[in-house]
Amino acid sequence: MGKNNKITSNEKKSKVMVISRRKIKEDKEIYISINNKMLEQIQTIEYLGIIIDSKLNFREHIIHISSKCNKLFYTLSKSEKLSWC
């Protein structure tokens, strides 16, 4: 279908993610291929700086941002202690 519409896709860069808000944990594997090559199924993806997970609850993104903030606060506190002397 993509060839008919002159759309190309790179199977090396493409990945598959199942998005669901179900509370029951299901480990379903889906098999999608492009040019007869199977795509890798992932649980999280980073898109435009936002980490999106398969449950759409942004837990991974919040953890990532809070760890970056903690590192920044630690660096700022170390530099502040040096200037007080």
PDB file of N, CA and C in Angstrom:
ATOM      1  N   MET A   1       0.810  -1.182   0.000  1.00  0.00           N
ATOM      2  CA  MET A   1       0.000   0.000   0.000  1.00  0.00           C
ATOM      3  C   MET A   1       0.860   1.254   0.000  1.00  0.00           C
ATOM      4  N   GLY A   2       1.980   1.230   0.722  1.00  0.00           N
ATOM      5  CA  GLY A   2       2.863   2.380   0.744  1.00  0.00           C
ATOM      6  C   GLY A   2       3.508   2.646  -0.601  1.00  0.00           C
ATOM      7  N   LYS A   3       3.837   1.581  -1.317  1.00  0.00           N
ATOM      8  CA  LYS A   3       4.443   1.754  -2.632  1.00  0.00           C
ATOM      9  C   LYS A   3       3.468   2.382  -3.613  1.00  0.00           C
ATOM     10  N   ASN A   4       2.199   2.043  -3.504  1.00  0.00           N
ATOM     11  CA  ASN A   4       1.194   2.637  -4.384  1.00  0.00           C
ATOM     12  C   ASN A   4       1.063   4.140  -4.165  1.00  0.00           C
ATOM     13  N   ASN A   5       1.271   4.575  -2.915  1.00  0.00           N
ATOM     14  CA  ASN A   5       1.163   5.990  -2.579  1.00  0.00           C
ATOM     15  C   ASN A   5       2.514   6.693  -2.545  1.00  0.00           C
ATOM     16  N   LYS A   6       3.565   6.009  -2.977  1.00  0.00           N
ATOM     17  CA  LYS A   6       4.936   6.530  -3.029  1.00  0.00           C
ATOM     18  C   LYS A   6       5.434   6.933  -1.639  1.00  0.00           C
ATOM     19  N   ILE A   7       5.092   6.115  -0.638  1.00  0.00           N
ATOM     20  CA  ILE A   7       5.553   6.321   0.729  1.00  0.00           C
ATOM     21  C   ILE A   7       6.575   5.237   1.048  1.00  0.00           C
ATOM     22  N   THR A   8       7.741   5.640   1.500  1.00  0.00           N
ATOM     23  CA  THR A   8       8.760   4.664   1.886  1.00  0.00           C
ATOM     24  C   THR A   8       8.903   4.677   3.403  1.00  0.00           C
ATOM     25  N   SER A   9       9.287   3.555   3.960  1.00  0.00           N
ATOM     26  CA  SER A   9       9.524   3.457   5.393  1.00  0.00           C
ATOM     27  C   SER A   9      10.790   2.656   5.620  1.00  0.00           C
ATOM     28  N   ASN A  10      11.475   2.998   6.699  1.00  0.00           N
ATOM     29  CA  ASN A  10      12.722   2.336   7.045  1.00  0.00           C
ATOM     30  C   ASN A  10      12.439   1.307   8.134  1.00  0.00           C
ATOM     31  N   GLU A  11      12.563   0.051   7.806  1.00  0.00           N
ATOM     32  CA  GLU A  11      12.261  -1.002   8.780  1.00  0.00           C
ATOM     33  C   GLU A  11      13.276  -1.054   9.910  1.00  0.00           C
ATOM     34  N   LYS A  12      14.463  -0.494   9.711  1.00  0.00           N
ATOM     35  CA  LYS A  12      15.459  -0.479  10.780  1.00  0.00           C
ATOM     36  C   LYS A  12      15.099   0.531  11.862  1.00  0.00           C
ATOM     37  N   LYS A  13      14.426   1.614  11.498  1.00  0.00           N
ATOM     38  CA  LYS A  13      14.052   2.649  12.458  1.00  0.00           C
ATOM     39  C   LYS A  13      12.641   2.476  13.005  1.00  0.00           C
ATOM     40  N   SER A  14      11.841   1.650  12.395  1.00  0.00           N
ATOM     41  CA  SER A  14      10.440   1.492  12.803  1.00  0.00           C
ATOM     42  C   SER A  14      10.316   0.486  13.935  1.00  0.00           C
ATOM     43  N   LYS A  15       9.403   0.781  14.860  1.00  0.00           N
ATOM     44  CA  LYS A  15       9.135  -0.104  15.989  1.00  0.00           C
ATOM     45  C   LYS A  15       7.628  -0.168  16.191  1.00  0.00           C
ATOM     46  N   VAL A  16       7.178  -1.138  16.986  1.00  0.00           N
ATOM     47  CA  VAL A  16       5.756  -1.352  17.257  1.00  0.00           C
ATOM     48  C   VAL A  16       5.524  -1.211  18.750  1.00  0.00           C
ATOM     49  N   MET A  17       4.428  -0.519  19.124  1.00  0.00           N
ATOM     50  CA  MET A  17       4.050  -0.414  20.529  1.00  0.00           C
ATOM     51  C   MET A  17       2.535  -0.573  20.635  1.00  0.00           C
ATOM     52  N   VAL A  18       2.103  -1.466  21.509  1.00  0.00           N
ATOM     53  CA  VAL A  18       0.686  -1.670  21.760  1.00  0.00           C
ATOM     54  C   VAL A  18       0.274  -0.747  22.899  1.00  0.00           C
ATOM     55  N   ILE A  19      -0.703   0.123  22.651  1.00  0.00           N
ATOM     56  CA  ILE A  19      -1.174   1.058  23.660  1.00  0.00           C
ATOM     57  C   ILE A  19      -2.525   0.582  24.167  1.00  0.00           C
ATOM     58  N   SER A  20      -2.606   0.402  25.494  1.00  0.00           N
ATOM     59  CA  SER A  20      -3.835  -0.095  26.104  1.00  0.00           C
ATOM     60  C   SER A  20      -3.936   0.445  27.521  1.00  0.00           C
ATOM     61  N   ARG A  21      -5.154   0.740  27.965  1.00  0.00           N
ATOM     62  CA  ARG A  21      -5.375   1.216  29.327  1.00  0.00           C
ATOM     63  C   ARG A  21      -5.946   0.119  30.216  1.00  0.00           C
ATOM     64  N   ARG A  22      -5.902  -1.124  29.770  1.00  0.00           N
ATOM     65  CA  ARG A  22      -6.441  -2.236  30.558  1.00  0.00           C
ATOM     66  C   ARG A  22      -5.659  -2.429  31.838  1.00  0.00           C
ATOM     67  N   LYS A  23      -6.374  -2.766  32.893  1.00  0.00           N
ATOM     68  CA  LYS A  23      -5.728  -3.018  34.175  1.00  0.00           C
ATOM     69  C   LYS A  23      -5.094  -4.399  34.219  1.00  0.00           C
ATOM     70  N   ILE A  24      -5.667  -5.346  33.478  1.00  0.00           N
ATOM     71  CA  ILE A  24      -5.125  -6.699  33.429  1.00  0.00           C
ATOM     72  C   ILE A  24      -3.862  -6.689  32.585  1.00  0.00           C
ATOM     73  N   LYS A  25      -2.803  -7.249  33.130  1.00  0.00           N
ATOM     74  CA  LYS A  25      -1.532  -7.255  32.422  1.00  0.00           C
ATOM     75  C   LYS A  25      -1.547  -8.344  31.358  1.00  0.00           C
ATOM     76  N   GLU A  26      -1.406  -7.922  30.135  1.00  0.00           N
ATOM     77  CA  GLU A  26      -1.362  -8.874  29.030  1.00  0.00           C
ATOM     78  C   GLU A  26      -0.031  -8.710  28.313  1.00  0.00           C
ATOM     79  N   ASP A  27       0.640  -9.795  28.146  1.00  0.00           N
ATOM     80  CA  ASP A  27       1.897  -9.772  27.403  1.00  0.00           C
ATOM     81  C   ASP A  27       1.657 -10.348  26.025  1.00  0.00           C
ATOM     82  N   LYS A  28       0.946  -9.602  25.218  1.00  0.00           N
ATOM     83  CA  LYS A  28       0.648 -10.067  23.873  1.00  0.00           C
ATOM     84  C   LYS A  28       1.715  -9.573  22.918  1.00  0.00           C
ATOM     85  N   GLU A  29       2.212 -10.491  22.171  1.00  0.00           N
ATOM     86  CA  GLU A  29       3.163 -10.153  21.122  1.00  0.00           C
ATOM     87  C   GLU A  29       2.395  -9.979  19.831  1.00  0.00           C
ATOM     88  N   ILE A  30       2.671  -8.908  19.128  1.00  0.00           N
ATOM     89  CA  ILE A  30       2.069  -8.731  17.814  1.00  0.00           C
ATOM     90  C   ILE A  30       3.195  -8.774  16.789  1.00  0.00           C
ATOM     91  N   TYR A  31       2.863  -9.235  15.649  1.00  0.00           N
ATOM     92  CA  TYR A  31       3.865  -9.412  14.602  1.00  0.00           C
ATOM     93  C   TYR A  31       3.482  -8.559  13.407  1.00  0.00           C
ATOM     94  N   ILE A  32       4.262  -7.516  13.197  1.00  0.00           N
ATOM     95  CA  ILE A  32       4.071  -6.620  12.057  1.00  0.00           C
ATOM     96  C   ILE A  32       5.386  -6.562  11.306  1.00  0.00           C
ATOM     97  N   SER A  33       5.300  -6.631   9.989  1.00  0.00           N
ATOM     98  CA  SER A  33       6.520  -6.613   9.191  1.00  0.00           C
ATOM     99  C   SER A  33       6.431  -5.531   8.117  1.00  0.00           C
ATOM    100  N   ILE A  34       7.587  -5.017   7.768  1.00  0.00           N
ATOM    101  CA  ILE A  34       7.742  -4.085   6.652  1.00  0.00           C
ATOM    102  C   ILE A  34       8.817  -4.672   5.756  1.00  0.00           C
ATOM    103  N   ASN A  35       8.508  -4.815   4.494  1.00  0.00           N
ATOM    104  CA  ASN A  35       9.443  -5.406   3.530  1.00  0.00           C
ATOM    105  C   ASN A  35       9.928  -6.779   3.994  1.00  0.00           C
ATOM    106  N   ASN A  36       9.020  -7.567   4.554  1.00  0.00           N
ATOM    107  CA  ASN A  36       9.303  -8.922   5.037  1.00  0.00           C
ATOM    108  C   ASN A  36      10.302  -8.961   6.188  1.00  0.00           C
ATOM    109  N   LYS A  37      10.419  -7.862   6.949  1.00  0.00           N
ATOM    110  CA  LYS A  37      11.277  -7.826   8.130  1.00  0.00           C
ATOM    111  C   LYS A  37      10.400  -7.498   9.327  1.00  0.00           C
ATOM    112  N   MET A  38      10.515  -8.329  10.378  1.00  0.00           N
ATOM    113  CA  MET A  38       9.701  -8.154  11.571  1.00  0.00           C
ATOM    114  C   MET A  38      10.150  -6.912  12.338  1.00  0.00           C
ATOM    115  N   LEU A  39       9.169  -6.161  12.843  1.00  0.00           N
ATOM    116  CA  LEU A  39       9.452  -4.976  13.630  1.00  0.00           C
ATOM    117  C   LEU A  39       9.545  -5.340  15.103  1.00  0.00           C
ATOM    118  N   GLU A  40      10.391  -4.638  15.823  1.00  0.00           N
ATOM    119  CA  GLU A  40      10.592  -4.877  17.250  1.00  0.00           C
ATOM    120  C   GLU A  40       9.439  -4.256  18.041  1.00  0.00           C
ATOM    121  N   GLN A  41       8.926  -5.000  19.024  1.00  0.00           N
ATOM    122  CA  GLN A  41       7.862  -4.482  19.878  1.00  0.00           C
ATOM    123  C   GLN A  41       8.487  -3.885  21.124  1.00  0.00           C
ATOM    124  N   ILE A  42       8.103  -2.654  21.463  1.00  0.00           N
ATOM    125  CA  ILE A  42       8.682  -1.942  22.596  1.00  0.00           C
ATOM    126  C   ILE A  42       7.592  -1.540  23.579  1.00  0.00           C
ATOM    127  N   GLN A  43       7.991  -1.180  24.805  1.00  0.00           N
ATOM    128  CA  GLN A  43       7.052  -0.739  25.836  1.00  0.00           C
ATOM    129  C   GLN A  43       7.049   0.775  25.998  1.00  0.00           C
ATOM    130  N   THR A  44       8.165   1.451  25.708  1.00  0.00           N
ATOM    131  CA  THR A  44       8.245   2.905  25.805  1.00  0.00           C
ATOM    132  C   THR A  44       8.950   3.457  24.572  1.00  0.00           C
ATOM    133  N   ILE A  45       8.609   4.710  24.255  1.00  0.00           N
ATOM    134  CA  ILE A  45       9.245   5.383  23.137  1.00  0.00           C
ATOM    135  C   ILE A  45       9.413   6.850  23.513  1.00  0.00           C
ATOM    136  N   GLU A  46      10.516   7.443  23.101  1.00  0.00           N
ATOM    137  CA  GLU A  46      10.730   8.863  23.327  1.00  0.00           C
ATOM    138  C   GLU A  46      10.438   9.595  22.030  1.00  0.00           C
ATOM    139  N   TYR A  47       9.511  10.539  22.108  1.00  0.00           N
ATOM    140  CA  TYR A  47       9.107  11.299  20.933  1.00  0.00           C
ATOM    141  C   TYR A  47       9.068  12.773  21.305  1.00  0.00           C
ATOM    142  N   LEU A  48       9.890  13.564  20.648  1.00  0.00           N
ATOM    143  CA  LEU A  48       9.990  15.004  20.903  1.00  0.00           C
ATOM    144  C   LEU A  48      10.267  15.307  22.373  1.00  0.00           C
ATOM    145  N   GLY A  49      11.110  14.495  23.008  1.00  0.00           N
ATOM    146  CA  GLY A  49      11.508  14.717  24.388  1.00  0.00           C
ATOM    147  C   GLY A  49      10.550  14.186  25.429  1.00  0.00           C
ATOM    148  N   ILE A  50       9.462  13.580  25.019  1.00  0.00           N
ATOM    149  CA  ILE A  50       8.489  13.023  25.954  1.00  0.00           C
ATOM    150  C   ILE A  50       8.522  11.504  25.847  1.00  0.00           C
ATOM    151  N   ILE A  51       8.630  10.847  26.985  1.00  0.00           N
ATOM    152  CA  ILE A  51       8.652   9.388  27.004  1.00  0.00           C
ATOM    153  C   ILE A  51       7.214   8.904  27.133  1.00  0.00           C
ATOM    154  N   ILE A  52       6.759   8.172  26.142  1.00  0.00           N
ATOM    155  CA  ILE A  52       5.403   7.650  26.103  1.00  0.00           C
ATOM    156  C   ILE A  52       5.477   6.154  26.355  1.00  0.00           C
ATOM    157  N   ASP A  53       4.662   5.668  27.292  1.00  0.00           N
ATOM    158  CA  ASP A  53       4.662   4.230  27.560  1.00  0.00           C
ATOM    159  C   ASP A  53       3.358   3.607  27.074  1.00  0.00           C
ATOM    160  N   SER A  54       3.287   2.299  27.156  1.00  0.00           N
ATOM    161  CA  SER A  54       2.168   1.569  26.568  1.00  0.00           C
ATOM    162  C   SER A  54       0.856   1.751  27.325  1.00  0.00           C
ATOM    163  N   LYS A  55       0.895   2.274  28.555  1.00  0.00           N
ATOM    164  CA  LYS A  55      -0.317   2.517  29.334  1.00  0.00           C
ATOM    165  C   LYS A  55      -0.749   3.985  29.293  1.00  0.00           C
ATOM    166  N   LEU A  56       0.026   4.837  28.673  1.00  0.00           N
ATOM    167  CA  LEU A  56      -0.233   6.280  28.576  1.00  0.00           C
ATOM    168  C   LEU A  56      -0.375   6.944  29.940  1.00  0.00           C
ATOM    169  N   ASN A  57       0.421   6.506  30.918  1.00  0.00           N
ATOM    170  CA  ASN A  57       0.360   7.141  32.229  1.00  0.00           C
ATOM    171  C   ASN A  57       1.581   8.029  32.499  1.00  0.00           C
ATOM    172  N   PHE A  58       2.533   8.077  31.598  1.00  0.00           N
ATOM    173  CA  PHE A  58       3.707   8.952  31.642  1.00  0.00           C
ATOM    174  C   PHE A  58       4.572   8.741  32.882  1.00  0.00           C
ATOM    175  N   ARG A  59       4.469   7.578  33.502  1.00  0.00           N
ATOM    176  CA  ARG A  59       5.269   7.276  34.688  1.00  0.00           C
ATOM    177  C   ARG A  59       6.764   7.298  34.364  1.00  0.00           C
ATOM    178  N   GLU A  60       7.153   6.700  33.256  1.00  0.00           N
ATOM    179  CA  GLU A  60       8.566   6.686  32.865  1.00  0.00           C
ATOM    180  C   GLU A  60       9.076   8.098  32.597  1.00  0.00           C
ATOM    181  N   HIS A  61       8.254   8.943  32.007  1.00  0.00           N
ATOM    182  CA  HIS A  61       8.648  10.324  31.726  1.00  0.00           C
ATOM    183  C   HIS A  61       8.854  11.102  33.032  1.00  0.00           C
ATOM    184  N   ILE A  62       7.965  10.918  33.989  1.00  0.00           N
ATOM    185  CA  ILE A  62       8.071  11.606  35.275  1.00  0.00           C
ATOM    186  C   ILE A  62       9.326  11.159  36.018  1.00  0.00           C
ATOM    187  N   ILE A  63       9.619   9.873  35.994  1.00  0.00           N
ATOM    188  CA  ILE A  63      10.829   9.358  36.644  1.00  0.00           C
ATOM    189  C   ILE A  63      12.073   9.938  35.985  1.00  0.00           C
ATOM    190  N   HIS A  64      12.079  10.001  34.666  1.00  0.00           N
ATOM    191  CA  HIS A  64      13.229  10.540  33.935  1.00  0.00           C
ATOM    192  C   HIS A  64      13.445  12.019  34.257  1.00  0.00           C
ATOM    193  N   ILE A  65      12.384  12.818  34.239  1.00  0.00           N
ATOM    194  CA  ILE A  65      12.493  14.249  34.504  1.00  0.00           C
ATOM    195  C   ILE A  65      12.894  14.506  35.956  1.00  0.00           C
ATOM    196  N   SER A  66      12.340  13.743  36.896  1.00  0.00           N
ATOM    197  CA  SER A  66      12.702  13.946  38.301  1.00  0.00           C
ATOM    198  C   SER A  66      14.159  13.580  38.569  1.00  0.00           C
ATOM    199  N   SER A  67      14.685  12.565  37.892  1.00  0.00           N
ATOM    200  CA  SER A  67      16.104  12.229  38.079  1.00  0.00           C
ATOM    201  C   SER A  67      17.001  13.320  37.496  1.00  0.00           C
ATOM    202  N   LYS A  68      16.581  13.919  36.375  1.00  0.00           N
ATOM    203  CA  LYS A  68      17.344  15.045  35.824  1.00  0.00           C
ATOM    204  C   LYS A  68      17.324  16.237  36.778  1.00  0.00           C
ATOM    205  N   CYS A  69      16.174  16.497  37.398  1.00  0.00           N
ATOM    206  CA  CYS A  69      16.066  17.609  38.353  1.00  0.00           C
ATOM    207  C   CYS A  69      16.920  17.352  39.585  1.00  0.00           C
ATOM    208  N   ASN A  70      16.920  16.121  40.074  1.00  0.00           N
ATOM    209  CA  ASN A  70      17.741  15.785  41.243  1.00  0.00           C
ATOM    210  C   ASN A  70      19.217  16.000  40.951  1.00  0.00           C
ATOM    211  N   LYS A  71      19.672  15.633  39.770  1.00  0.00           N
ATOM    212  CA  LYS A  71      21.071  15.857  39.403  1.00  0.00           C
ATOM    213  C   LYS A  71      21.388  17.342  39.343  1.00  0.00           C
ATOM    214  N   LEU A  72      20.467  18.133  38.802  1.00  0.00           N
ATOM    215  CA  LEU A  72      20.664  19.575  38.719  1.00  0.00           C
ATOM    216  C   LEU A  72      20.695  20.199  40.109  1.00  0.00           C
ATOM    217  N   PHE A  73      19.779  19.811  41.003  1.00  0.00           N
ATOM    218  CA  PHE A  73      19.769  20.330  42.363  1.00  0.00           C
ATOM    219  C   PHE A  73      21.054  19.965  43.102  1.00  0.00           C
ATOM    220  N   TYR A  74      21.538  18.756  42.908  1.00  0.00           N
ATOM    221  CA  TYR A  74      22.772  18.327  43.551  1.00  0.00           C
ATOM    222  C   TYR A  74      23.947  19.183  43.066  1.00  0.00           C
ATOM    223  N   THR A  75      24.007  19.413  41.749  1.00  0.00           N
ATOM    224  CA  THR A  75      25.086  20.230  41.188  1.00  0.00           C
ATOM    225  C   THR A  75      25.003  21.660  41.697  1.00  0.00           C
ATOM    226  N   LEU A  76      23.803  22.216  41.755  1.00  0.00           N
ATOM    227  CA  LEU A  76      23.640  23.582  42.259  1.00  0.00           C
ATOM    228  C   LEU A  76      24.001  23.688  43.736  1.00  0.00           C
ATOM    229  N   SER A  77      23.640  22.690  44.532  1.00  0.00           N
ATOM    230  CA  SER A  77      23.969  22.740  45.958  1.00  0.00           C
ATOM    231  C   SER A  77      25.473  22.633  46.183  1.00  0.00           C
ATOM    232  N   LYS A  78      26.149  21.836  45.374  1.00  0.00           N
ATOM    233  CA  LYS A  78      27.608  21.730  45.491  1.00  0.00           C
ATOM    234  C   LYS A  78      28.277  23.046  45.127  1.00  0.00           C
ATOM    235  N   SER A  79      27.820  23.703  44.068  1.00  0.00           N
ATOM    236  CA  SER A  79      28.444  24.954  43.662  1.00  0.00           C
ATOM    237  C   SER A  79      28.117  26.081  44.655  1.00  0.00           C
ATOM    238  N   GLU A  80      26.963  26.032  45.283  1.00  0.00           N
ATOM    239  CA  GLU A  80      26.590  27.049  46.272  1.00  0.00           C
ATOM    240  C   GLU A  80      27.442  26.926  47.511  1.00  0.00           C
ATOM    241  N   LYS A  81      27.739  25.713  47.956  1.00  0.00           N
ATOM    242  CA  LYS A  81      28.576  25.516  49.138  1.00  0.00           C
ATOM    243  C   LYS A  81      29.989  26.020  48.901  1.00  0.00           C
ATOM    244  N   LEU A  82      30.478  25.950  47.683  1.00  0.00           N
ATOM    245  CA  LEU A  82      31.817  26.442  47.374  1.00  0.00           C
ATOM    246  C   LEU A  82      31.873  27.960  47.443  1.00  0.00           C
ATOM    247  N   SER A  83      30.813  28.642  47.094  1.00  0.00           N
ATOM    248  CA  SER A  83      30.849  30.105  47.061  1.00  0.00           C
ATOM    249  C   SER A  83      30.572  30.736  48.425  1.00  0.00           C
ATOM    250  N   TRP A  84      30.079  29.993  49.410  1.00  0.00           N
ATOM    251  CA  TRP A  84      29.799  30.546  50.727  1.00  0.00           C
ATOM    252  C   TRP A  84      31.065  30.787  51.538  1.00  0.00           C
ATOM    253  N   CYS A  85      32.109  30.096  51.248  1.00  0.00           N
ATOM    254  CA  CYS A  85      33.336  30.196  52.058  1.00  0.00           C
ATOM    255  C   CYS A  85      34.020  31.506  51.939  1.00  0.00           C
TER     256      CYS A  85
END
